[in-house]
Protein backbone atom coordinates (compact mmCIF):
# COMPACT_ATOMS: atom_id res chain seq x y z
CA MET A 1 3.80 22.28 -30.05
CA SER A 2 1.96 20.88 -27.01
CA SER A 3 4.06 19.01 -24.46
CA VAL A 4 1.05 17.13 -23.04
CA VAL A 5 1.66 13.36 -23.23
CA ILE A 6 -1.36 12.12 -21.23
CA LYS A 7 -4.82 13.65 -21.35
CA VAL A 8 -7.62 12.11 -19.29
CA GLU A 9 -11.13 13.47 -19.94
CA GLY A 10 -14.26 12.42 -18.05
CA VAL A 11 -12.92 8.93 -17.34
CA GLY A 12 -15.02 6.52 -15.30
CA LYS A 13 -14.74 2.81 -14.63
CA SER A 14 -17.62 0.75 -13.26
CA PHE A 15 -17.94 -2.86 -12.19
CA VAL A 16 -21.10 -4.93 -11.70
CA ILE A 17 -21.25 -6.69 -8.34
CA ASN A 18 -23.62 -9.65 -7.97
CA HIS A 19 -25.25 -10.27 -4.58
CA GLU A 20 -26.65 -13.78 -4.36
CA GLN A 21 -29.31 -14.16 -1.69
CA ARG A 22 -28.41 -17.09 0.51
CA GLU A 23 -29.53 -18.36 3.87
CA ARG A 24 -26.94 -17.89 6.55
CA TYR A 25 -27.52 -21.39 7.98
CA THR A 26 -29.05 -24.49 6.38
CA ALA A 27 -30.04 -27.51 8.45
CA LEU A 28 -30.21 -31.08 7.14
CA ARG A 29 -34.03 -30.97 7.08
CA ASP A 30 -33.82 -27.83 4.87
CA VAL A 31 -31.55 -29.62 2.39
CA VAL A 32 -33.94 -32.59 2.17
CA SER A 33 -36.92 -30.24 1.79
CA GLN A 34 -35.22 -28.22 -0.98
CA LYS A 35 -34.24 -31.40 -2.88
CA ALA A 36 -37.84 -32.60 -2.73
CA LYS A 37 -39.12 -29.24 -4.00
CA LYS A 38 -36.72 -29.38 -6.97
CA ILE A 39 -38.06 -32.78 -8.02
CA PHE A 40 -41.64 -31.52 -8.27
CA SER A 41 -41.01 -27.89 -9.25
CA PHE A 42 -40.63 -26.33 -12.68
CA PRO A 43 -36.98 -27.00 -13.72
CA PHE A 44 -36.18 -23.41 -14.63
CA ASN A 45 -36.96 -22.02 -11.16
CA THR A 46 -33.84 -23.47 -9.56
CA LYS A 47 -31.43 -20.52 -9.46
CA PRO A 48 -31.17 -18.42 -6.29
CA ALA A 49 -32.26 -14.78 -6.56
CA VAL A 50 -29.43 -12.48 -7.56
CA SER A 51 -29.35 -8.70 -7.15
CA LYS A 52 -26.86 -6.54 -9.01
CA GLU A 53 -25.06 -3.39 -7.94
CA THR A 54 -22.99 -1.03 -10.10
CA PHE A 55 -19.81 0.12 -8.38
CA TRP A 56 -17.85 3.06 -9.80
CA ALA A 57 -14.16 2.58 -9.01
CA LEU A 58 -13.46 5.87 -10.87
CA ASN A 59 -15.88 8.61 -11.84
CA ASP A 60 -15.38 11.78 -13.91
CA ILE A 61 -11.56 11.93 -13.73
CA ASN A 62 -9.90 14.80 -15.62
CA PHE A 63 -6.20 15.72 -15.68
CA THR A 64 -3.20 16.19 -17.98
CA VAL A 65 0.45 15.17 -17.69
CA GLU A 66 3.25 16.93 -19.55
CA GLN A 67 6.43 15.40 -20.92
CA GLY A 68 9.08 14.98 -18.24
CA ASP A 69 6.61 15.27 -15.34
CA ARG A 70 7.05 12.98 -12.37
CA LEU A 71 3.47 12.54 -11.19
CA GLY A 72 2.72 11.04 -7.79
CA ILE A 73 -0.71 9.46 -7.28
CA VAL A 74 -1.86 9.25 -3.66
CA GLY A 75 -4.98 7.98 -1.94
CA ARG A 76 -6.06 5.32 0.49
CA ASN A 77 -6.66 1.68 -0.43
CA GLY A 78 -9.74 1.48 -2.64
CA ALA A 79 -9.43 5.07 -3.87
CA GLY A 80 -9.03 3.92 -7.50
CA LYS A 81 -5.26 4.36 -7.97
CA SER A 82 -4.54 0.91 -9.41
CA THR A 83 -7.65 1.04 -11.63
CA LEU A 84 -6.44 4.36 -13.05
CA LEU A 85 -2.97 2.96 -13.77
CA LYS A 86 -4.48 -0.08 -15.54
CA ILE A 87 -6.50 2.24 -17.77
CA LEU A 88 -3.43 4.37 -18.54
CA SER A 89 -1.44 1.19 -19.26
CA ARG A 90 -4.21 -0.01 -21.63
CA ILE A 91 -4.73 -3.14 -19.55
CA THR A 92 -8.41 -2.28 -19.13
CA GLU A 93 -10.78 0.06 -20.96
CA PRO A 94 -12.68 2.89 -19.23
CA THR A 95 -16.46 2.59 -19.00
CA LYS A 96 -16.79 6.21 -20.05
CA GLY A 97 -14.50 9.08 -21.05
CA THR A 98 -11.34 9.17 -23.15
CA VAL A 99 -7.60 8.78 -22.57
CA SER A 100 -5.03 10.15 -25.03
CA ILE A 101 -1.42 8.98 -24.69
CA LYS A 102 1.59 9.94 -26.79
CA GLY A 103 4.44 7.44 -26.69
CA ARG A 104 5.22 3.95 -25.48
CA VAL A 105 4.12 2.99 -21.95
CA ALA A 106 6.04 0.55 -19.75
CA SER A 107 4.13 -0.56 -16.65
CA LEU A 108 5.16 -2.24 -13.42
CA LEU A 109 1.86 -2.78 -11.61
CA GLU A 110 2.07 -6.23 -10.01
CA VAL A 111 4.78 -8.79 -9.40
CA GLY A 112 5.07 -10.68 -12.68
CA THR A 113 3.25 -8.23 -14.93
CA GLY A 114 4.36 -8.84 -18.53
CA PHE A 115 6.58 -11.85 -17.71
CA HIS A 116 5.99 -15.41 -18.87
CA PRO A 117 6.70 -17.69 -15.88
CA GLU A 118 8.01 -20.58 -18.00
CA LEU A 119 10.58 -18.42 -19.82
CA THR A 120 14.00 -17.56 -18.41
CA GLY A 121 15.04 -14.12 -17.28
CA ARG A 122 17.03 -13.68 -20.51
CA GLU A 123 14.05 -14.66 -22.68
CA ASN A 124 11.69 -12.37 -20.78
CA ILE A 125 13.97 -9.38 -21.34
CA PHE A 126 13.71 -9.90 -25.12
CA LEU A 127 9.96 -10.65 -24.87
CA ASN A 128 9.27 -7.38 -23.01
CA GLY A 129 11.40 -5.42 -25.44
CA ALA A 130 9.46 -6.85 -28.36
CA ILE A 131 6.15 -5.94 -26.68
CA LEU A 132 7.44 -2.35 -26.39
CA GLY A 133 8.16 -2.37 -30.14
CA MET A 134 11.97 -2.52 -29.91
CA SER A 135 14.15 -4.46 -32.33
CA ARG A 136 16.37 -7.31 -31.15
CA GLN A 137 19.44 -5.17 -31.76
CA GLU A 138 18.05 -2.31 -29.64
CA ILE A 139 17.38 -4.74 -26.79
CA LYS A 140 20.90 -6.17 -27.07
CA THR A 141 22.42 -2.70 -26.61
CA LYS A 142 20.55 -2.33 -23.29
CA PHE A 143 20.89 -5.96 -22.17
CA ASP A 144 24.03 -5.60 -20.04
CA GLU A 145 22.68 -2.48 -18.30
CA ILE A 146 19.45 -4.31 -17.43
CA VAL A 147 21.26 -7.34 -16.00
CA ASP A 148 23.68 -5.17 -14.04
CA PHE A 149 20.88 -3.07 -12.55
CA ALA A 150 18.72 -6.09 -11.62
CA GLU A 151 21.64 -8.01 -10.05
CA VAL A 152 20.31 -11.38 -11.29
CA GLU A 153 23.14 -12.41 -13.64
CA GLN A 154 23.55 -15.76 -11.87
CA PHE A 155 19.89 -16.65 -12.56
CA LEU A 156 19.49 -15.30 -16.09
CA ASP A 157 18.89 -18.73 -17.60
CA THR A 158 16.51 -19.87 -14.85
CA PRO A 159 12.73 -19.77 -15.49
CA VAL A 160 11.36 -16.73 -13.68
CA LYS A 161 8.69 -18.84 -11.96
CA ARG A 162 11.53 -19.95 -9.67
CA TYR A 163 12.53 -16.37 -8.80
CA SER A 164 11.76 -14.88 -5.40
CA SER A 165 9.37 -11.91 -5.40
CA GLY A 166 12.35 -9.61 -4.84
CA MET A 167 14.28 -10.98 -7.84
CA TYR A 168 11.12 -10.77 -9.96
CA VAL A 169 10.63 -7.10 -9.13
CA ARG A 170 14.31 -6.22 -9.64
CA LEU A 171 14.31 -7.69 -13.14
CA ALA A 172 10.87 -6.32 -14.05
CA PHE A 173 11.80 -2.78 -13.00
CA ALA A 174 15.16 -2.95 -14.76
CA VAL A 175 13.45 -4.00 -18.00
CA ALA A 176 10.73 -1.34 -17.71
CA ALA A 177 13.19 1.47 -16.94
CA HIS A 178 15.93 0.62 -19.46
CA LEU A 179 14.00 -0.25 -22.61
CA GLU A 180 13.34 3.44 -23.28
CA PRO A 181 9.56 3.87 -22.91
CA GLU A 182 8.38 7.47 -23.13
CA ILE A 183 6.12 6.90 -20.10
CA LEU A 184 7.05 4.75 -17.08
CA VAL A 185 4.20 3.64 -14.79
CA VAL A 186 5.12 2.16 -11.40
CA ASP A 187 2.71 0.99 -8.70
CA GLU A 188 3.43 0.15 -5.03
CA VAL A 189 5.06 -3.10 -6.24
CA LEU A 190 8.50 -1.64 -5.40
CA ALA A 191 7.64 -2.17 -1.72
CA VAL A 192 8.50 -5.85 -2.30
CA GLY A 193 12.17 -4.99 -2.80
CA ASP A 194 14.66 -4.19 -0.05
CA ALA A 195 15.37 -0.62 1.03
CA GLN A 196 18.61 -0.36 -0.96
CA PHE A 197 16.93 -1.46 -4.18
CA GLN A 198 13.98 0.90 -3.62
CA LYS A 199 16.45 3.78 -3.31
CA LYS A 200 18.17 2.61 -6.50
CA CYS A 201 14.82 2.53 -8.34
CA LEU A 202 13.84 6.02 -7.17
CA GLY A 203 17.20 7.31 -8.38
CA LYS A 204 16.71 5.66 -11.77
CA MET A 205 13.23 7.15 -12.17
CA GLN A 206 14.65 10.57 -11.35
CA ASP A 207 17.41 10.09 -13.95
CA VAL A 208 15.10 9.03 -16.78
CA SER A 209 12.93 12.08 -16.11
CA ASN A 210 15.66 14.71 -15.61
CA ASN A 211 18.23 13.49 -18.14
CA GLU A 212 16.09 11.75 -20.76
CA GLY A 213 12.87 13.79 -20.59
CA ARG A 214 10.68 10.77 -19.93
CA THR A 215 7.46 10.87 -17.93
CA VAL A 216 7.01 8.91 -14.68
CA LEU A 217 3.74 8.02 -12.93
CA PHE A 218 4.33 6.68 -9.42
CA VAL A 219 1.88 5.29 -6.84
CA SER A 220 3.04 4.81 -3.26
CA HIS A 221 1.81 5.03 0.33
CA ASN A 222 5.28 6.26 1.32
CA MET A 223 4.88 10.05 1.38
CA GLN A 224 8.61 10.57 1.82
CA ALA A 225 9.35 8.65 -1.40
CA ILE A 226 6.56 10.48 -3.24
CA ASN A 227 7.84 13.90 -2.12
CA ASN A 228 11.46 13.05 -2.93
CA LEU A 229 10.74 11.78 -6.45
CA CYS A 230 7.69 13.60 -7.78
CA THR A 231 7.18 17.20 -8.85
CA LYS A 232 3.40 17.07 -9.30
CA GLY A 233 0.64 14.96 -7.84
CA ILE A 234 -3.01 13.98 -7.85
CA TYR A 235 -5.08 12.90 -4.85
CA LEU A 236 -7.84 10.30 -5.37
CA LYS A 237 -10.56 9.54 -2.83
CA ASN A 238 -13.44 7.12 -3.35
CA GLY A 239 -12.92 7.18 -7.11
CA GLN A 240 -12.98 10.98 -7.30
CA LEU A 241 -10.13 13.37 -8.17
CA ILE A 242 -9.81 15.65 -5.13
CA LEU A 243 -6.77 17.71 -6.13
CA GLN A 244 -4.09 18.09 -8.82
CA ASP A 245 -1.23 20.41 -7.85
CA LYS A 246 2.47 20.48 -7.01
CA ILE A 247 3.40 17.43 -4.96
CA SER A 248 3.89 19.12 -1.58
CA ARG A 249 0.36 20.56 -1.64
CA VAL A 250 -1.13 17.25 -2.72
CA THR A 251 0.58 15.20 0.01
CA ASP A 252 -0.21 17.84 2.66
CA ASN A 253 -3.87 17.76 1.62
CA TYR A 254 -3.91 13.97 1.63
CA MET A 255 -2.35 13.73 5.09
CA SER A 256 -4.61 16.40 6.61
CA HIS A 257 -7.78 14.86 5.18
CA GLY A 258 -6.83 11.26 5.74
CA GLU A 259 -9.15 9.11 7.83
CA THR A 260 -7.49 9.47 11.20
CA PHE A 261 -9.61 9.07 14.31
CA LYS A 262 -9.56 11.70 17.02
CA THR A 263 -12.33 10.34 19.29
CA LYS A 264 -13.37 6.89 20.44
CA GLU A 265 -16.82 7.44 18.90
CA GLU A 266 -15.26 8.03 15.44
CA LEU A 267 -13.26 4.82 15.79
CA HIS A 268 -16.28 2.73 16.76
CA THR A 269 -18.29 4.16 13.85
CA LYS A 270 -15.49 3.04 11.52
CA ILE A 271 -15.34 -0.43 13.08
CA ASP A 272 -19.12 -0.86 12.86
CA LYS A 273 -19.18 0.16 9.18
CA ALA A 274 -16.17 -1.93 8.09
CA PRO A 275 -17.01 -4.54 5.41
CA SER A 276 -17.36 -8.09 6.66
CA ASP A 277 -14.29 -10.33 6.40
CA PRO A 278 -14.56 -14.15 6.37
CA ASP A 279 -11.62 -14.59 8.76
CA PHE A 280 -11.30 -11.49 10.96
CA GLU A 281 -13.35 -8.95 12.89
CA LEU A 282 -11.85 -5.94 14.66
CA LEU A 283 -13.67 -5.31 17.95
CA ASP A 284 -11.82 -2.41 19.60
CA ILE A 285 -8.55 -0.55 20.10
CA GLU A 286 -7.86 0.78 23.61
CA MET A 287 -5.04 2.87 25.05
CA PHE A 288 -4.20 3.39 28.74
CA GLN A 289 -1.77 5.44 30.83
CA ASN A 290 -1.52 4.58 34.56
CA GLY A 291 -4.68 2.51 34.23
CA ASP A 292 -6.74 5.42 32.84
CA GLU A 293 -8.12 5.10 29.33
CA VAL A 294 -6.81 7.76 26.92
CA PHE A 295 -7.28 8.29 23.21
CA SER A 296 -6.06 11.29 21.24
CA SER A 297 -4.25 13.09 24.07
CA VAL A 298 -1.35 11.39 25.90
CA VAL A 299 1.72 12.41 27.88
CA ASN A 300 5.29 11.35 27.23
CA GLY A 301 6.18 10.84 30.89
CA LYS A 302 4.09 7.66 31.26
CA PRO A 303 4.09 4.32 29.41
CA LEU A 304 1.35 4.00 26.78
CA ASP A 305 -0.42 0.63 26.89
CA VAL A 306 -2.17 -0.35 23.63
CA LYS A 307 -4.69 -3.19 23.40
CA ILE A 308 -6.20 -4.47 20.13
CA LYS A 309 -9.29 -6.64 20.59
CA TYR A 310 -10.42 -8.85 17.71
CA LYS A 311 -12.16 -12.06 16.70
CA LEU A 312 -10.75 -14.81 14.50
CA LYS A 313 -13.54 -16.67 12.74
CA ASN A 314 -11.38 -19.53 11.47
CA LYS A 315 -8.10 -21.19 12.38
CA LEU A 316 -5.36 -18.96 10.91
CA THR A 317 -1.65 -19.57 10.46
CA GLY A 318 0.45 -16.44 10.13
CA PHE A 319 -2.14 -13.91 11.33
CA ARG A 320 -0.28 -10.66 11.99
CA ILE A 321 -0.96 -7.18 13.36
CA PHE A 322 1.34 -4.33 12.29
CA MET A 323 1.62 -1.19 14.40
CA ASP A 324 3.31 1.79 12.71
CA LEU A 325 4.30 4.93 14.58
CA CYS A 326 4.25 7.70 11.96
CA ASP A 327 4.98 11.41 12.07
CA ASP A 328 2.41 13.89 10.79
CA SER A 329 3.79 13.62 7.24
CA GLY A 330 3.09 9.89 7.11
CA THR A 331 6.73 8.80 7.43
CA VAL A 332 7.02 5.57 9.43
CA ILE A 333 9.32 6.08 12.42
CA PHE A 334 9.14 2.45 13.46
CA ARG A 335 7.00 -0.63 12.83
CA SER A 336 6.24 -3.36 15.35
CA PHE A 337 4.60 -6.77 14.76
CA HIS A 338 2.38 -8.39 17.38
CA ASP A 339 4.15 -11.76 16.91
CA GLU A 340 7.77 -10.58 16.63
CA ALA A 341 8.72 -12.27 19.92
CA THR A 342 7.68 -15.72 18.65
CA ASP A 343 9.59 -18.18 16.45
CA GLY A 344 7.93 -18.83 13.12
CA MET A 345 4.27 -18.32 12.31
CA GLN A 346 1.68 -19.11 14.94
CA ALA A 347 -1.48 -21.11 14.27
CA LEU A 348 -4.37 -19.48 16.14
CA GLU A 349 -7.69 -21.21 16.79
CA PRO A 350 -11.02 -19.40 16.26
CA GLY A 351 -12.00 -17.15 19.17
CA ASN A 352 -11.69 -13.71 20.72
CA TYR A 353 -8.20 -12.33 21.33
CA THR A 354 -6.43 -9.28 22.74
CA SER A 355 -2.95 -8.33 21.49
CA ALA A 356 -1.23 -5.87 23.84
CA VAL A 357 1.93 -3.79 23.59
CA THR A 358 3.50 -1.01 25.70
CA ILE A 359 5.33 2.04 24.34
CA PRO A 360 7.79 2.97 27.14
CA ASN A 361 7.69 6.36 28.85
CA ASP A 362 9.99 9.14 27.59
CA ILE A 363 10.08 7.65 24.06
CA LEU A 364 7.45 9.88 22.46
CA SER A 365 8.32 13.50 21.76
CA PRO A 366 5.85 16.33 22.47
CA ILE A 367 4.55 16.36 18.87
CA THR A 368 1.65 14.82 16.92
CA TYR A 369 1.87 11.19 15.79
CA ASP A 370 -0.30 8.75 13.89
CA LEU A 371 -0.58 5.23 15.28
CA ARG A 372 -1.49 3.03 12.30
CA PHE A 373 -2.73 -0.54 12.72
CA LEU A 374 -2.85 -2.99 9.81
CA PHE A 375 -4.12 -6.57 9.88
CA GLY A 376 -3.23 -9.46 7.61
CA ILE A 377 -2.39 -13.11 7.03
CA HIS A 378 1.33 -13.37 6.30
CA ALA A 379 2.17 -13.72 2.57
CA ILE A 380 -1.52 -14.25 1.70
CA ARG A 381 -3.66 -11.11 2.09
CA MET A 382 -4.62 -8.12 4.18
CA VAL A 383 -7.96 -8.39 6.00
CA GLN A 384 -10.75 -5.87 6.59
CA PRO A 385 -10.52 -3.01 7.22
CA MET A 386 -8.09 -3.12 4.27
CA GLU A 387 -6.78 0.42 4.81
CA GLY A 388 -6.20 -0.31 8.49
CA VAL A 389 -7.01 2.02 11.36
CA THR A 390 -5.07 5.22 12.10
CA ILE A 391 -5.39 7.04 15.42
CA ARG A 392 -3.92 10.54 15.77
CA ILE A 393 -2.32 11.23 19.14
CA HIS A 394 -1.06 14.54 20.51
CA VAL A 395 1.74 14.15 23.06
CA GLU A 396 2.07 16.55 25.98
CA GLN A 397 5.50 17.03 27.53
CA THR A 398 5.67 15.88 31.15
CA GLY A 399 8.67 13.55 31.11
CA ASN A 400 12.38 13.81 30.34
CA TYR A 401 12.21 14.94 26.72
CA ASN A 402 14.43 17.93 25.85
CA LYS A 403 16.67 17.66 28.90
CA ALA A 404 18.53 20.94 29.24
CA TYR A 405 22.31 20.76 29.08
CA ASN A 406 24.23 24.03 29.23
CA GLY A 407 21.22 25.77 27.71
CA GLN A 408 21.06 23.37 24.72
CA TYR A 409 18.15 21.01 24.03
CA THR A 410 17.89 17.68 22.25
CA ASP A 411 15.55 17.33 19.31
CA GLY A 412 14.00 14.55 17.23
CA LYS A 413 10.91 12.59 16.32
CA ILE A 414 11.45 10.26 19.28
CA CYS A 415 13.49 10.60 22.46
CA LEU A 416 16.05 7.92 23.26
CA SER A 417 18.45 7.88 26.19
CA LEU A 418 21.54 5.93 25.07
CA PRO A 419 24.30 4.60 27.37
CA TRP A 420 27.44 6.54 26.35
CA GLU A 421 30.88 5.76 27.69
CA ILE A 422 33.91 8.06 27.90
CA ILE A 423 37.25 6.21 27.74
CA LYS A 424 40.42 8.02 28.66
CA LYS A 425 43.45 7.24 26.51
CA THR A 426 46.23 5.85 28.73
CA ASN A 427 49.29 6.18 26.47
């Protein structure tokens, strides 16, 4: 008997994008002129010209998943990961191709998926169980486990519309994982929770796969989490399936073929081709050591000055730049925010800005890093380029890294000199 629980054959999903032709600027005289034309023109010729474009979010996707597999799905923003999960969760239909699924599917794709905001946490547990085809008695047997896992007992009889995003996700995951679906589908939504809860969720997904034989599909940008949880993986790029293999090969392929920039020319090409954003425009990213501009090759014995130049087109409250220092496997070593030294969210007027930061000397190890920059408006949205900008830097050893001590050397992803103290016991 076949153990295949998901079979995807030739699946594609397209969307029609309308492009309305508009003038970029309309003066008062143009408005008056257009109104006058409408009075004397044929009434049906009033709509602006519209052109249509077909966009394929997924195209010709083929793969199978066996019972008990923990499948990691990786790819950059816009690769088609969420569209694929919505098709597998039967939220949307494919434009072409077929999907065969054996068993019940529980999905956690967005904060609030499957919950009714006006109902309480208790009522939503029973509602979700009923949607999964479980009887009231079956749900009751799992009820205490769900509440205990979600840690929301105090708020069980509160409408979930009053929950924080973290509470929402905790309860939604607990329901999805405990109501015994054969297939559990989880998107990046777990990133909303705190680190301890994320670890708890990863452990639960591992348990339901190992001990209960259930299948898990997991999307994340955290390669460490993907590698720790999943046994197999698929890599999507621009709506195409690039690779299906064991998870280590998939993540290695994804990291090595990711869009990291190794020359200033590559970076400027990316910036020039980035889609337009109504609020933000990235102009340049510069790096200097001792006043000399550097890019992909730096030394650890000198401070690294980073400058991000950009334009704000409107007044923005809560605009934020994230800078992640990642190792070559994509694991974030540390994250820094460009406004972390200020109290509260700043309101910035339209104009050109430069945000600057310095990475001190003797912090970087002589290895390869990725500096990843992301741009967004706090608690509202990320701005273009949505996937951010990642610059790969190779660090040459010239500073104090790996100080020799009795023939032994220090090691690590970064080098920190900490102030130790030796205290002699006096009694």
